[in-house]
Amino acid sequence: MTTTTALLNALAAHQGAASGISGDRLAQQLGMSPRQLRKHISQAREDGIAICGHPSSGYFMPTTPEELEESCDFLKHRAMHSLRTLSQMKKVALPILLGQLLLNQA
């Protein structure tokens, strides 16, 4: 069984935010470190699998469009925080940094 399959099988019991599981518990259940778990969740998300998560609820599979949207908003907020920090470290305004990032992808 692949790691993604094992991850999805484990999350099948965690439908909806109210049934979320902590990263530590999920990692233990899957026999991996929390860091490895985050890597596998990131890969699954990049593959288009909607795995939601928030520090207050843990990881879960969304059962409503609102749960998915809330999780996406959380990830966007976290990403913007990281980009603001990067812009401050590089002493580059955020809009300029974002433009540079877009140019680097072309």
C-alpha atoms as a PDB file:
ATOM      1  CA  MET A   1       0.000   0.000   0.000  1.00  0.00           C
ATOM      2  CA  THR A   2       1.369   3.423  -0.925  1.00  0.00           C
ATOM      3  CA  THR A   3       1.839   6.116   1.675  1.00  0.00           C
ATOM      4  CA  THR A   4      -0.864   8.239   0.037  1.00  0.00           C
ATOM      5  CA  THR A   5      -3.305   5.336   0.185  1.00  0.00           C
ATOM      6  CA  ALA A   6      -2.464   4.708   3.845  1.00  0.00           C
ATOM      7  CA  LEU A   7      -2.886   8.420   4.581  1.00  0.00           C
ATOM      8  CA  LEU A   8      -6.270   8.569   2.861  1.00  0.00           C
ATOM      9  CA  ASN A   9      -7.417   5.370   4.577  1.00  0.00           C
ATOM     10  CA  ALA A  10      -6.484   6.849   7.955  1.00  0.00           C
ATOM     11  CA  LEU A  11      -8.224  10.141   7.166  1.00  0.00           C
ATOM     12  CA  ALA A  12     -11.380   8.307   6.063  1.00  0.00           C
ATOM     13  CA  ALA A  13     -12.267   8.095   9.756  1.00  0.00           C
ATOM     14  CA  HIS A  14     -11.819  11.862  10.095  1.00  0.00           C
ATOM     15  CA  GLN A  15     -14.564  13.412   7.994  1.00  0.00           C
ATOM     16  CA  GLY A  16     -15.231  17.051   8.847  1.00  0.00           C
ATOM     17  CA  ALA A  17     -13.460  19.508  11.114  1.00  0.00           C
ATOM     18  CA  ALA A  18     -15.206  18.200  14.230  1.00  0.00           C
ATOM     19  CA  SER A  19     -13.543  14.812  13.643  1.00  0.00           C
ATOM     20  CA  GLY A  20     -10.027  16.102  12.980  1.00  0.00           C
ATOM     21  CA  ILE A  21      -6.941  14.271  14.219  1.00  0.00           C
ATOM     22  CA  SER A  22      -3.762  15.905  15.476  1.00  0.00           C
ATOM     23  CA  GLY A  23      -0.661  15.656  13.342  1.00  0.00           C
ATOM     24  CA  ASP A  24       1.197  13.852  16.111  1.00  0.00           C
ATOM     25  CA  ARG A  25      -1.530  11.210  16.474  1.00  0.00           C
ATOM     26  CA  LEU A  26      -1.889  10.742  12.728  1.00  0.00           C
ATOM     27  CA  ALA A  27       1.874  10.426  12.273  1.00  0.00           C
ATOM     28  CA  GLN A  28       2.047   7.868  15.071  1.00  0.00           C
ATOM     29  CA  GLN A  29      -0.856   5.922  13.570  1.00  0.00           C
ATOM     30  CA  LEU A  30       0.955   5.819  10.204  1.00  0.00           C
ATOM     31  CA  GLY A  31       4.329   4.959  11.745  1.00  0.00           C
ATOM     32  CA  MET A  32       6.146   8.098  10.630  1.00  0.00           C
ATOM     33  CA  SER A  33       7.452  11.327  12.083  1.00  0.00           C
ATOM     34  CA  PRO A  34       5.294  14.466  12.100  1.00  0.00           C
ATOM     35  CA  ARG A  35       7.743  15.985   9.611  1.00  0.00           C
ATOM     36  CA  GLN A  36       7.305  13.049   7.217  1.00  0.00           C
ATOM     37  CA  LEU A  37       3.537  13.339   7.631  1.00  0.00           C
ATOM     38  CA  ARG A  38       3.587  17.031   6.675  1.00  0.00           C
ATOM     39  CA  LYS A  39       5.665  16.148   3.602  1.00  0.00           C
ATOM     40  CA  HIS A  40       3.168  13.471   2.516  1.00  0.00           C
ATOM     41  CA  ILE A  41       0.199  15.760   3.139  1.00  0.00           C
ATOM     42  CA  SER A  42       1.854  18.513   1.099  1.00  0.00           C
ATOM     43  CA  GLN A  43       2.484  16.073  -1.753  1.00  0.00           C
ATOM     44  CA  ALA A  44      -1.101  14.812  -1.661  1.00  0.00           C
ATOM     45  CA  ARG A  45      -2.364  18.397  -1.749  1.00  0.00           C
ATOM     46  CA  GLU A  46      -0.099  19.153  -4.718  1.00  0.00           C
ATOM     47  CA  ASP A  47      -1.661  16.105  -6.405  1.00  0.00           C
ATOM     48  CA  GLY A  48      -5.085  17.714  -5.934  1.00  0.00           C
ATOM     49  CA  ILE A  49      -6.298  15.836  -2.868  1.00  0.00           C
ATOM     50  CA  ALA A  50      -8.216  18.122  -0.516  1.00  0.00           C
ATOM     51  CA  ILE A  51      -6.777  17.396   2.915  1.00  0.00           C
ATOM     52  CA  CYS A  52      -7.815  20.095   5.334  1.00  0.00           C
ATOM     53  CA  GLY A  53      -6.108  21.031   8.530  1.00  0.00           C
ATOM     54  CA  HIS A  54      -5.836  23.687  11.182  1.00  0.00           C
ATOM     55  CA  PRO A  55      -3.958  23.735  14.485  1.00  0.00           C
ATOM     56  CA  SER A  56      -7.259  23.909  16.376  1.00  0.00           C
ATOM     57  CA  SER A  57      -8.952  20.989  14.588  1.00  0.00           C
ATOM     58  CA  GLY A  58      -6.152  18.796  13.252  1.00  0.00           C
ATOM     59  CA  TYR A  59      -6.221  17.098   9.855  1.00  0.00           C
ATOM     60  CA  PHE A  60      -9.484  16.000   8.253  1.00  0.00           C
ATOM     61  CA  MET A  61     -11.270  15.426   4.978  1.00  0.00           C
ATOM     62  CA  PRO A  62     -13.726  18.230   4.206  1.00  0.00           C
ATOM     63  CA  THR A  63     -17.418  17.436   4.182  1.00  0.00           C
ATOM     64  CA  THR A  64     -18.661  20.856   3.080  1.00  0.00           C
ATOM     65  CA  PRO A  65     -17.447  23.529   0.665  1.00  0.00           C
ATOM     66  CA  GLU A  66     -17.160  25.868   3.668  1.00  0.00           C
ATOM     67  CA  GLU A  67     -14.683  23.563   5.417  1.00  0.00           C
ATOM     68  CA  LEU A  68     -12.554  23.416   2.298  1.00  0.00           C
ATOM     69  CA  GLU A  69     -12.694  27.201   1.889  1.00  0.00           C
ATOM     70  CA  GLU A  70     -11.739  27.796   5.540  1.00  0.00           C
ATOM     71  CA  SER A  71      -8.762  25.477   5.163  1.00  0.00           C
ATOM     72  CA  CYS A  72      -7.695  27.197   1.931  1.00  0.00           C
ATOM     73  CA  ASP A  73      -8.001  30.593   3.667  1.00  0.00           C
ATOM     74  CA  PHE A  74      -5.769  29.334   6.493  1.00  0.00           C
ATOM     75  CA  LEU A  75      -3.133  28.113   4.019  1.00  0.00           C
ATOM     76  CA  LYS A  76      -3.302  31.405   2.104  1.00  0.00           C
ATOM     77  CA  HIS A  77      -2.864  33.421   5.298  1.00  0.00           C
ATOM     78  CA  ARG A  78       0.136  31.279   6.287  1.00  0.00           C
ATOM     79  CA  ALA A  79       1.663  31.669   2.804  1.00  0.00           C
ATOM     80  CA  MET A  80       1.164  35.451   2.826  1.00  0.00           C
ATOM     81  CA  HIS A  81       2.815  35.663   6.246  1.00  0.00           C
ATOM     82  CA  SER A  82       5.836  33.789   4.867  1.00  0.00           C
ATOM     83  CA  LEU A  83       5.960  36.062   1.797  1.00  0.00           C
ATOM     84  CA  ARG A  84       5.773  39.204   3.959  1.00  0.00           C
ATOM     85  CA  THR A  85       8.640  37.873   6.074  1.00  0.00           C
ATOM     86  CA  LEU A  86      10.649  37.131   2.920  1.00  0.00           C
ATOM     87  CA  SER A  87      10.008  40.629   1.559  1.00  0.00           C
ATOM     88  CA  GLN A  88      11.211  42.163   4.828  1.00  0.00           C
ATOM     89  CA  MET A  89      14.338  39.999   4.895  1.00  0.00           C
ATOM     90  CA  LYS A  90      15.186  40.911   1.294  1.00  0.00           C
ATOM     91  CA  LYS A  91      14.156  44.537   1.845  1.00  0.00           C
ATOM     92  CA  VAL A  92      11.881  44.377  -1.193  1.00  0.00           C
ATOM     93  CA  ALA A  93       8.280  45.558  -1.230  1.00  0.00           C
ATOM     94  CA  LEU A  94       5.836  42.672  -1.294  1.00  0.00           C
ATOM     95  CA  PRO A  95       4.258  43.602  -4.680  1.00  0.00           C
ATOM     96  CA  ILE A  96       7.733  43.742  -6.249  1.00  0.00           C
ATOM     97  CA  LEU A  97       8.688  40.423  -4.679  1.00  0.00           C
ATOM     98  CA  LEU A  98       5.477  38.828  -5.963  1.00  0.00           C
ATOM     99  CA  GLY A  99       6.212  40.172  -9.445  1.00  0.00           C
ATOM    100  CA  GLN A 100       9.716  38.711  -9.251  1.00  0.00           C
ATOM    101  CA  LEU A 101       8.307  35.338  -8.192  1.00  0.00           C
ATOM    102  CA  LEU A 102       5.902  35.364 -11.134  1.00  0.00           C
ATOM    103  CA  LEU A 103       8.712  36.206 -13.550  1.00  0.00           C
ATOM    104  CA  ASN A 104      10.824  33.346 -12.165  1.00  0.00           C
ATOM    105  CA  GLN A 105       8.010  30.885 -12.937  1.00  0.00           C
ATOM    106  CA  ALA A 106       7.801  31.891 -16.607  1.00  0.00           C
END
